[in-house]
């Protein structure tokens, strides 16, 4: 069955996401697939496309490096939590460089990692991304540390608390 917008509108299982990935891999067109479906206005289409892309290898996702800004914009602008989490998951696996650092994205990550209204997956991904971005500038690392230290552990899920402790203790990457 070919990949179509209608097919991606359907909610499918983990197996369905793997099927989408396998079909995109066979076509060898990760970039075209992403442009066609990830930025679709229908969050079901975008979510299904992103879920399929999460199955890709880091090498395959490297093909999307030219779309990093667009993916970053999507993560910051979407109102759909699943689309945000899946997009952040893909961004987290991509290469980050000092000269491409976006302060608006860093601010977004710092805000959303501490937001008790965000699901733990979004919080943790934002924390990991903020950590990576702050590695380029010591003064930003200090801001990250202050933000992490001000987070009340009782307000967060254990996975977020654990990641916070790892970063603060220097045991994260």
N, C-alpha and C. Protein backbone atom coordinates (compact mmCIF):
# COMPACT_ATOMS: atom_id res chain seq x y z
N UNK A 1 0.84 -1.18 0.00
CA UNK A 1 0.00 0.00 0.00
C UNK A 1 0.89 1.24 0.00
N UNK A 2 0.74 2.13 -0.96
CA UNK A 2 1.60 3.31 -1.03
C UNK A 2 1.30 4.29 0.12
N UNK A 3 2.29 5.10 0.43
CA UNK A 3 2.11 6.12 1.47
C UNK A 3 1.30 7.26 0.86
N UNK A 4 0.18 7.54 1.52
CA UNK A 4 -0.67 8.65 1.11
C UNK A 4 -1.07 9.43 2.34
N UNK A 5 -1.56 10.61 2.12
CA UNK A 5 -2.05 11.45 3.21
C UNK A 5 -3.18 10.72 3.94
N UNK A 6 -4.07 10.11 3.18
CA UNK A 6 -5.20 9.39 3.77
C UNK A 6 -4.73 8.24 4.65
N UNK A 7 -3.73 7.54 4.21
CA UNK A 7 -3.18 6.43 5.00
C UNK A 7 -2.59 6.95 6.30
N UNK A 8 -1.89 8.07 6.22
CA UNK A 8 -1.27 8.64 7.42
C UNK A 8 -2.29 9.24 8.37
N UNK A 9 -3.48 9.54 7.91
CA UNK A 9 -4.53 10.07 8.79
C UNK A 9 -5.05 9.00 9.75
N UNK A 10 -4.84 7.76 9.38
CA UNK A 10 -5.30 6.66 10.22
C UNK A 10 -4.35 6.49 11.40
N UNK A 11 -4.92 6.21 12.54
CA UNK A 11 -4.09 5.90 13.70
C UNK A 11 -3.61 4.47 13.52
N UNK A 12 -2.33 4.25 13.69
CA UNK A 12 -1.82 2.89 13.54
C UNK A 12 -0.87 2.55 14.66
N UNK A 13 -0.45 1.32 14.66
CA UNK A 13 0.35 0.78 15.76
C UNK A 13 1.84 1.00 15.52
N UNK A 14 2.62 0.52 16.47
CA UNK A 14 4.08 0.51 16.34
C UNK A 14 4.49 -0.19 15.04
N UNK A 15 3.81 -1.29 14.75
CA UNK A 15 4.08 -2.01 13.51
C UNK A 15 3.78 -1.16 12.29
N UNK A 16 2.73 -0.37 12.36
CA UNK A 16 2.39 0.53 11.26
C UNK A 16 3.46 1.59 11.05
N UNK A 17 4.01 2.10 12.14
CA UNK A 17 5.09 3.09 12.05
C UNK A 17 6.32 2.46 11.39
N UNK A 18 6.62 1.22 11.75
CA UNK A 18 7.75 0.52 11.13
C UNK A 18 7.51 0.28 9.64
N UNK A 19 6.27 -0.02 9.28
CA UNK A 19 5.94 -0.20 7.87
C UNK A 19 6.17 1.08 7.09
N UNK A 20 5.72 2.20 7.64
CA UNK A 20 5.93 3.50 6.99
C UNK A 20 7.42 3.74 6.81
N UNK A 21 8.18 3.52 7.88
CA UNK A 21 9.64 3.70 7.80
C UNK A 21 10.24 2.83 6.71
N UNK A 22 9.87 1.56 6.68
CA UNK A 22 10.44 0.64 5.69
C UNK A 22 10.12 1.11 4.26
N UNK A 23 8.93 1.62 4.05
CA UNK A 23 8.55 2.10 2.72
C UNK A 23 9.33 3.35 2.33
N UNK A 24 9.52 4.26 3.29
CA UNK A 24 10.30 5.47 3.01
C UNK A 24 11.75 5.08 2.74
N UNK A 25 12.26 4.13 3.51
CA UNK A 25 13.63 3.65 3.32
C UNK A 25 13.79 3.04 1.93
N UNK A 26 12.83 2.24 1.52
CA UNK A 26 12.89 1.60 0.20
C UNK A 26 12.88 2.65 -0.92
N UNK A 27 12.14 3.72 -0.72
CA UNK A 27 12.09 4.80 -1.71
C UNK A 27 13.36 5.66 -1.66
N UNK A 28 14.03 5.64 -0.50
CA UNK A 28 15.25 6.44 -0.32
C UNK A 28 14.98 7.94 -0.37
N UNK A 29 13.83 8.35 0.13
CA UNK A 29 13.44 9.76 0.02
C UNK A 29 12.96 10.31 1.36
N UNK A 30 13.82 10.28 2.36
CA UNK A 30 13.45 10.78 3.68
C UNK A 30 13.12 12.27 3.64
N UNK A 31 13.89 13.01 2.89
CA UNK A 31 13.68 14.46 2.80
C UNK A 31 12.33 14.78 2.13
N UNK A 32 12.05 14.14 1.02
CA UNK A 32 10.80 14.38 0.31
C UNK A 32 9.59 13.97 1.15
N UNK A 33 9.69 12.82 1.81
CA UNK A 33 8.63 12.35 2.69
C UNK A 33 8.38 13.36 3.80
N UNK A 34 9.45 13.86 4.39
CA UNK A 34 9.33 14.83 5.48
C UNK A 34 8.65 16.10 4.98
N UNK A 35 9.12 16.62 3.87
CA UNK A 35 8.51 17.85 3.32
C UNK A 35 7.03 17.65 3.00
N UNK A 36 6.70 16.49 2.48
CA UNK A 36 5.32 16.22 2.06
C UNK A 36 4.37 16.04 3.24
N UNK A 37 4.81 15.35 4.28
CA UNK A 37 3.86 14.92 5.31
C UNK A 37 4.08 15.46 6.72
N UNK A 38 5.31 15.70 7.12
CA UNK A 38 5.56 16.12 8.50
C UNK A 38 4.98 17.51 8.80
N UNK A 39 4.94 18.36 7.80
CA UNK A 39 4.47 19.73 8.02
C UNK A 39 3.00 19.90 7.63
N UNK A 40 2.30 18.79 7.48
CA UNK A 40 0.88 18.81 7.12
C UNK A 40 0.07 19.49 8.23
N UNK A 41 -0.94 20.23 7.85
CA UNK A 41 -1.78 20.93 8.82
C UNK A 41 -2.59 19.96 9.69
N UNK A 42 -2.84 18.77 9.18
CA UNK A 42 -3.57 17.76 9.94
C UNK A 42 -2.58 17.07 10.88
N UNK A 43 -2.77 17.27 12.17
CA UNK A 43 -1.81 16.72 13.14
C UNK A 43 -1.74 15.19 13.08
N UNK A 44 -2.79 14.52 12.63
CA UNK A 44 -2.74 13.06 12.52
C UNK A 44 -1.76 12.63 11.43
N UNK A 45 -1.75 13.36 10.33
CA UNK A 45 -0.81 13.06 9.24
C UNK A 45 0.61 13.32 9.71
N UNK A 46 0.83 14.49 10.32
CA UNK A 46 2.17 14.86 10.80
C UNK A 46 2.65 13.86 11.85
N UNK A 47 1.78 13.51 12.79
CA UNK A 47 2.16 12.58 13.86
C UNK A 47 2.54 11.21 13.29
N UNK A 48 1.76 10.70 12.37
CA UNK A 48 2.06 9.39 11.78
C UNK A 48 3.37 9.43 10.99
N UNK A 49 3.58 10.51 10.25
CA UNK A 49 4.82 10.64 9.48
C UNK A 49 6.03 10.72 10.43
N UNK A 50 5.91 11.51 11.47
CA UNK A 50 7.00 11.64 12.45
C UNK A 50 7.26 10.32 13.15
N UNK A 51 6.21 9.60 13.50
CA UNK A 51 6.38 8.32 14.18
C UNK A 51 7.16 7.36 13.30
N UNK A 52 6.84 7.34 12.03
CA UNK A 52 7.61 6.51 11.10
C UNK A 52 9.07 6.93 11.04
N UNK A 53 9.31 8.24 11.02
CA UNK A 53 10.70 8.74 10.95
C UNK A 53 11.51 8.42 12.20
N UNK A 54 10.85 8.26 13.34
CA UNK A 54 11.61 7.94 14.56
C UNK A 54 12.26 6.56 14.46
N UNK A 55 11.82 5.75 13.52
CA UNK A 55 12.40 4.42 13.34
C UNK A 55 13.67 4.46 12.49
N UNK A 56 13.96 5.58 11.88
CA UNK A 56 15.12 5.73 11.01
C UNK A 56 16.42 5.73 11.82
N UNK A 57 17.49 5.34 11.17
CA UNK A 57 18.81 5.39 11.81
C UNK A 57 19.28 6.85 11.85
N UNK A 58 20.29 7.10 12.67
CA UNK A 58 20.85 8.45 12.74
C UNK A 58 21.40 8.87 11.38
N UNK A 59 21.99 7.94 10.66
CA UNK A 59 22.52 8.23 9.32
C UNK A 59 21.40 8.65 8.38
N UNK A 60 20.29 7.95 8.45
CA UNK A 60 19.14 8.31 7.61
C UNK A 60 18.56 9.66 8.01
N UNK A 61 18.50 9.91 9.31
CA UNK A 61 17.98 11.20 9.77
C UNK A 61 18.92 12.35 9.40
N UNK A 62 20.18 12.06 9.19
CA UNK A 62 21.13 13.11 8.79
C UNK A 62 20.72 13.75 7.48
N UNK A 63 19.97 13.02 6.66
CA UNK A 63 19.47 13.59 5.41
C UNK A 63 18.52 14.77 5.67
N UNK A 64 17.97 14.82 6.87
CA UNK A 64 17.02 15.87 7.22
C UNK A 64 17.70 17.10 7.81
N UNK A 65 19.02 17.09 7.90
CA UNK A 65 19.75 18.20 8.51
C UNK A 65 19.38 19.54 7.85
N UNK A 66 19.16 19.54 6.55
CA UNK A 66 18.79 20.78 5.84
C UNK A 66 17.41 21.28 6.27
N UNK A 67 16.64 20.43 6.93
CA UNK A 67 15.30 20.82 7.39
C UNK A 67 15.27 21.12 8.89
N UNK A 68 16.45 21.21 9.51
CA UNK A 68 16.51 21.41 10.95
C UNK A 68 15.75 22.65 11.39
N UNK A 69 15.91 23.76 10.71
CA UNK A 69 15.19 24.99 11.10
C UNK A 69 13.68 24.80 10.99
N UNK A 70 13.23 24.16 9.93
CA UNK A 70 11.78 23.94 9.76
C UNK A 70 11.25 22.98 10.83
N UNK A 71 12.03 21.95 11.17
CA UNK A 71 11.61 21.03 12.23
C UNK A 71 11.59 21.74 13.58
N UNK A 72 12.57 22.60 13.80
CA UNK A 72 12.62 23.38 15.04
C UNK A 72 11.40 24.28 15.14
N UNK A 73 11.06 24.96 14.04
CA UNK A 73 9.87 25.81 14.03
C UNK A 73 8.62 24.99 14.34
N UNK A 74 8.52 23.81 13.74
CA UNK A 74 7.37 22.95 13.98
C UNK A 74 7.26 22.59 15.46
N UNK A 75 8.37 22.19 16.05
CA UNK A 75 8.36 21.82 17.47
C UNK A 75 7.91 22.98 18.35
N UNK A 76 8.33 24.18 18.01
CA UNK A 76 7.99 25.34 18.84
C UNK A 76 6.57 25.84 18.58
N UNK A 77 6.04 25.63 17.39
CA UNK A 77 4.76 26.24 17.03
C UNK A 77 3.56 25.31 17.12
N UNK A 78 3.76 24.00 17.08
CA UNK A 78 2.62 23.10 17.07
C UNK A 78 1.86 23.15 18.39
N UNK A 79 0.58 23.00 18.30
CA UNK A 79 -0.24 22.90 19.49
C UNK A 79 -0.52 21.46 19.88
N UNK A 80 0.00 20.53 19.10
CA UNK A 80 -0.23 19.11 19.35
C UNK A 80 0.96 18.51 20.10
N UNK A 81 0.71 18.00 21.26
CA UNK A 81 1.77 17.48 22.12
C UNK A 81 2.51 16.30 21.49
N UNK A 82 1.78 15.42 20.81
CA UNK A 82 2.43 14.27 20.18
C UNK A 82 3.36 14.71 19.06
N UNK A 83 2.92 15.66 18.26
CA UNK A 83 3.76 16.18 17.18
C UNK A 83 5.00 16.85 17.78
N UNK A 84 4.82 17.60 18.86
CA UNK A 84 5.95 18.27 19.52
C UNK A 84 6.97 17.24 20.02
N UNK A 85 6.47 16.22 20.72
CA UNK A 85 7.38 15.21 21.29
C UNK A 85 8.14 14.46 20.20
N UNK A 86 7.43 14.03 19.17
CA UNK A 86 8.08 13.29 18.09
C UNK A 86 9.08 14.15 17.33
N UNK A 87 8.73 15.41 17.11
CA UNK A 87 9.65 16.32 16.42
C UNK A 87 10.90 16.56 17.26
N UNK A 88 10.72 16.80 18.55
CA UNK A 88 11.87 16.99 19.44
C UNK A 88 12.74 15.74 19.48
N UNK A 89 12.12 14.58 19.43
CA UNK A 89 12.87 13.33 19.43
C UNK A 89 13.77 13.23 18.20
N UNK A 90 13.26 13.65 17.07
CA UNK A 90 14.07 13.63 15.84
C UNK A 90 15.17 14.69 15.92
N UNK A 91 14.83 15.88 16.36
CA UNK A 91 15.83 16.96 16.47
C UNK A 91 16.95 16.53 17.42
N UNK A 92 16.59 15.86 18.50
CA UNK A 92 17.58 15.45 19.49
C UNK A 92 18.61 14.49 18.90
N UNK A 93 18.27 13.81 17.85
CA UNK A 93 19.18 12.86 17.21
C UNK A 93 20.00 13.49 16.08
N UNK A 94 19.76 14.76 15.81
CA UNK A 94 20.45 15.43 14.71
C UNK A 94 21.68 16.18 15.23
N UNK A 95 22.54 16.55 14.29
CA UNK A 95 23.76 17.26 14.64
C UNK A 95 23.42 18.71 15.01
N UNK A 96 24.09 19.19 16.05
CA UNK A 96 23.91 20.57 16.48
C UNK A 96 25.27 21.25 16.39
N UNK A 97 25.27 22.45 15.83
CA UNK A 97 26.53 23.18 15.69
C UNK A 97 26.40 24.57 16.28
N UNK A 98 27.51 25.06 16.77
CA UNK A 98 27.50 26.37 17.42
C UNK A 98 26.96 27.46 16.51
N UNK A 99 27.38 27.46 15.26
CA UNK A 99 26.97 28.55 14.37
C UNK A 99 25.49 28.46 13.95
N UNK A 100 24.83 27.35 14.25
CA UNK A 100 23.41 27.23 13.92
C UNK A 100 22.52 27.30 15.16
N UNK A 101 23.12 27.59 16.30
CA UNK A 101 22.37 27.67 17.55
C UNK A 101 21.30 28.76 17.46
N UNK A 102 20.10 28.41 17.79
CA UNK A 102 18.98 29.35 17.78
C UNK A 102 18.60 29.67 19.21
N UNK A 103 18.75 30.92 19.58
CA UNK A 103 18.44 31.31 20.96
C UNK A 103 16.95 31.18 21.24
N UNK A 104 16.10 31.38 20.22
CA UNK A 104 14.67 31.20 20.46
C UNK A 104 14.36 29.75 20.81
N UNK A 105 15.07 28.82 20.20
CA UNK A 105 14.86 27.41 20.50
C UNK A 105 15.41 27.07 21.88
N UNK A 106 16.54 27.64 22.24
CA UNK A 106 17.08 27.43 23.58
C UNK A 106 16.09 27.95 24.62
N UNK A 107 15.57 29.15 24.40
CA UNK A 107 14.58 29.70 25.33
C UNK A 107 13.35 28.80 25.43
N UNK A 108 12.90 28.29 24.28
CA UNK A 108 11.76 27.38 24.24
C UNK A 108 12.07 26.14 25.09
N UNK A 109 13.24 25.56 24.89
CA UNK A 109 13.61 24.34 25.63
C UNK A 109 13.72 24.61 27.13
N UNK A 110 14.32 25.72 27.51
CA UNK A 110 14.44 26.05 28.93
C UNK A 110 13.07 26.23 29.56
N UNK A 111 12.17 26.86 28.84
CA UNK A 111 10.82 27.07 29.35
C UNK A 111 10.03 25.76 29.46
N UNK A 112 10.08 24.95 28.41
CA UNK A 112 9.26 23.74 28.37
C UNK A 112 9.82 22.60 29.22
N UNK A 113 11.13 22.59 29.47
CA UNK A 113 11.66 21.54 30.34
C UNK A 113 11.20 21.75 31.78
N UNK A 114 10.94 22.99 32.14
CA UNK A 114 10.52 23.30 33.50
C UNK A 114 9.01 23.41 33.64
N UNK A 115 8.29 23.36 32.53
CA UNK A 115 6.83 23.52 32.55
C UNK A 115 6.16 22.25 33.05
N UNK A 116 5.50 22.33 34.20
CA UNK A 116 4.81 21.16 34.75
C UNK A 116 3.60 20.78 33.90
N UNK A 117 3.19 21.66 33.00
CA UNK A 117 2.08 21.35 32.11
C UNK A 117 2.46 20.49 30.92
N UNK A 118 3.76 20.34 30.69
CA UNK A 118 4.22 19.51 29.57
C UNK A 118 4.34 18.06 30.02
N UNK A 119 4.10 17.13 29.11
CA UNK A 119 4.32 15.71 29.45
C UNK A 119 5.81 15.46 29.74
N UNK A 120 6.11 14.46 30.54
CA UNK A 120 7.51 14.17 30.89
C UNK A 120 8.42 13.95 29.67
N UNK A 121 7.90 13.34 28.62
CA UNK A 121 8.71 13.11 27.42
C UNK A 121 9.17 14.43 26.79
N UNK A 122 8.29 15.40 26.72
CA UNK A 122 8.64 16.71 26.18
C UNK A 122 9.62 17.41 27.12
N UNK A 123 9.36 17.34 28.42
CA UNK A 123 10.26 17.96 29.39
C UNK A 123 11.68 17.39 29.25
N UNK A 124 11.78 16.08 29.21
CA UNK A 124 13.10 15.43 29.14
C UNK A 124 13.82 15.76 27.83
N UNK A 125 13.10 15.73 26.72
CA UNK A 125 13.73 16.06 25.44
C UNK A 125 14.19 17.52 25.42
N UNK A 126 13.38 18.41 25.95
CA UNK A 126 13.78 19.82 26.02
C UNK A 126 15.02 19.99 26.90
N UNK A 127 15.08 19.24 27.99
CA UNK A 127 16.23 19.29 28.88
C UNK A 127 17.50 18.80 28.18
N UNK A 128 17.39 17.69 27.46
CA UNK A 128 18.54 17.16 26.72
C UNK A 128 19.01 18.14 25.65
N UNK A 129 18.06 18.73 24.94
CA UNK A 129 18.42 19.68 23.88
C UNK A 129 19.02 20.95 24.46
N UNK A 130 18.46 21.45 25.56
CA UNK A 130 19.01 22.64 26.21
C UNK A 130 20.44 22.35 26.68
N UNK A 131 20.65 21.18 27.25
CA UNK A 131 21.99 20.79 27.69
C UNK A 131 22.97 20.82 26.52
N UNK A 132 22.58 20.23 25.40
CA UNK A 132 23.46 20.20 24.23
C UNK A 132 23.76 21.61 23.72
N UNK A 133 22.75 22.46 23.66
CA UNK A 133 22.97 23.82 23.16
C UNK A 133 23.85 24.62 24.11
N UNK A 134 23.68 24.40 25.40
CA UNK A 134 24.45 25.16 26.39
C UNK A 134 25.92 24.76 26.43
N UNK A 135 26.26 23.62 25.87
CA UNK A 135 27.66 23.18 25.86
C UNK A 135 28.55 24.12 25.05
N UNK A 136 27.96 24.87 24.15
CA UNK A 136 28.74 25.79 23.32
C UNK A 136 29.18 27.05 24.07
N UNK A 137 28.46 27.42 25.13
CA UNK A 137 28.73 28.67 25.84
C UNK A 137 28.64 28.45 27.34
N UNK A 138 29.74 28.64 28.06
CA UNK A 138 29.72 28.41 29.52
C UNK A 138 28.67 29.24 30.26
N UNK A 139 28.44 30.48 29.81
CA UNK A 139 27.45 31.32 30.49
C UNK A 139 26.03 30.74 30.33
N UNK A 140 25.79 30.04 29.23
CA UNK A 140 24.49 29.40 29.05
C UNK A 140 24.38 28.17 29.94
N UNK A 141 25.50 27.49 30.14
CA UNK A 141 25.51 26.33 31.03
C UNK A 141 25.15 26.76 32.45
N UNK A 142 25.61 27.94 32.85
CA UNK A 142 25.26 28.46 34.17
C UNK A 142 23.76 28.73 34.27
N UNK A 143 23.18 29.27 33.19
CA UNK A 143 21.73 29.53 33.18
C UNK A 143 20.96 28.21 33.27
N UNK A 144 21.41 27.21 32.54
CA UNK A 144 20.77 25.91 32.60
C UNK A 144 20.84 25.34 34.01
N UNK A 145 22.01 25.42 34.61
CA UNK A 145 22.19 24.91 35.98
C UNK A 145 21.23 25.61 36.95
N UNK A 146 21.14 26.93 36.85
CA UNK A 146 20.24 27.67 37.73
C UNK A 146 18.78 27.24 37.53
N UNK A 147 18.40 27.05 36.28
CA UNK A 147 17.03 26.62 35.99
C UNK A 147 16.78 25.23 36.57
N UNK A 148 17.72 24.32 36.37
CA UNK A 148 17.56 22.96 36.89
C UNK A 148 17.49 22.95 38.42
N UNK A 149 18.34 23.76 39.04
CA UNK A 149 18.36 23.81 40.51
C UNK A 149 17.08 24.40 41.08
N UNK A 150 16.41 25.25 40.32
CA UNK A 150 15.17 25.87 40.80
C UNK A 150 13.94 24.99 40.61
N UNK A 151 14.09 23.89 39.89
CA UNK A 151 12.95 22.99 39.65
C UNK A 151 12.67 22.16 40.90
N UNK A 152 11.43 22.20 41.38
CA UNK A 152 11.01 21.45 42.56
C UNK A 152 10.77 19.99 42.17
N UNK A 153 11.59 19.09 42.66
CA UNK A 153 11.53 17.68 42.27
C UNK A 153 10.16 17.06 42.51
N UNK A 154 9.42 17.54 43.49
CA UNK A 154 8.11 16.99 43.79
C UNK A 154 7.09 17.26 42.69
N UNK A 155 7.39 18.21 41.81
CA UNK A 155 6.46 18.59 40.74
C UNK A 155 6.67 17.82 39.45
N UNK A 156 7.68 16.95 39.41
CA UNK A 156 8.06 16.28 38.16
C UNK A 156 8.04 14.77 38.32
N UNK A 157 7.89 14.08 37.21
CA UNK A 157 7.92 12.61 37.18
C UNK A 157 9.35 12.13 37.44
N UNK A 158 9.51 10.91 37.93
CA UNK A 158 10.83 10.37 38.25
C UNK A 158 11.85 10.44 37.10
N UNK A 159 11.42 10.22 35.87
CA UNK A 159 12.36 10.25 34.74
C UNK A 159 12.96 11.65 34.57
N UNK A 160 12.15 12.68 34.75
CA UNK A 160 12.63 14.05 34.62
C UNK A 160 13.54 14.40 35.79
N UNK A 161 13.17 13.97 36.98
CA UNK A 161 14.01 14.21 38.17
C UNK A 161 15.36 13.52 38.01
N UNK A 162 15.35 12.29 37.51
CA UNK A 162 16.58 11.54 37.30
C UNK A 162 17.49 12.23 36.29
N UNK A 163 16.93 12.67 35.19
CA UNK A 163 17.73 13.38 34.18
C UNK A 163 18.29 14.68 34.75
N UNK A 164 17.48 15.39 35.52
CA UNK A 164 17.94 16.63 36.16
C UNK A 164 19.15 16.35 37.04
N UNK A 165 19.07 15.31 37.85
CA UNK A 165 20.18 14.94 38.74
C UNK A 165 21.43 14.56 37.95
N UNK A 166 21.24 13.82 36.86
CA UNK A 166 22.40 13.43 36.04
C UNK A 166 23.09 14.63 35.45
N UNK A 167 22.32 15.58 34.95
CA UNK A 167 22.92 16.77 34.35
C UNK A 167 23.65 17.59 35.42
N UNK A 168 22.99 17.79 36.56
CA UNK A 168 23.59 18.59 37.62
C UNK A 168 24.85 17.94 38.20
N UNK A 169 24.90 16.61 38.22
CA UNK A 169 26.07 15.92 38.76
C UNK A 169 27.18 15.72 37.74
N UNK A 170 26.89 16.10 36.49
CA UNK A 170 27.91 15.93 35.45
C UNK A 170 27.97 14.52 34.90
N UNK A 171 26.98 13.70 35.21
CA UNK A 171 26.98 12.30 34.74
C UNK A 171 26.21 12.10 33.45
N UNK A 172 25.66 13.16 32.91
CA UNK A 172 24.94 13.04 31.65
C UNK A 172 25.91 13.36 30.53
N UNK A 173 26.04 12.46 29.61
CA UNK A 173 26.93 12.55 28.45
C UNK A 173 28.14 13.33 28.77
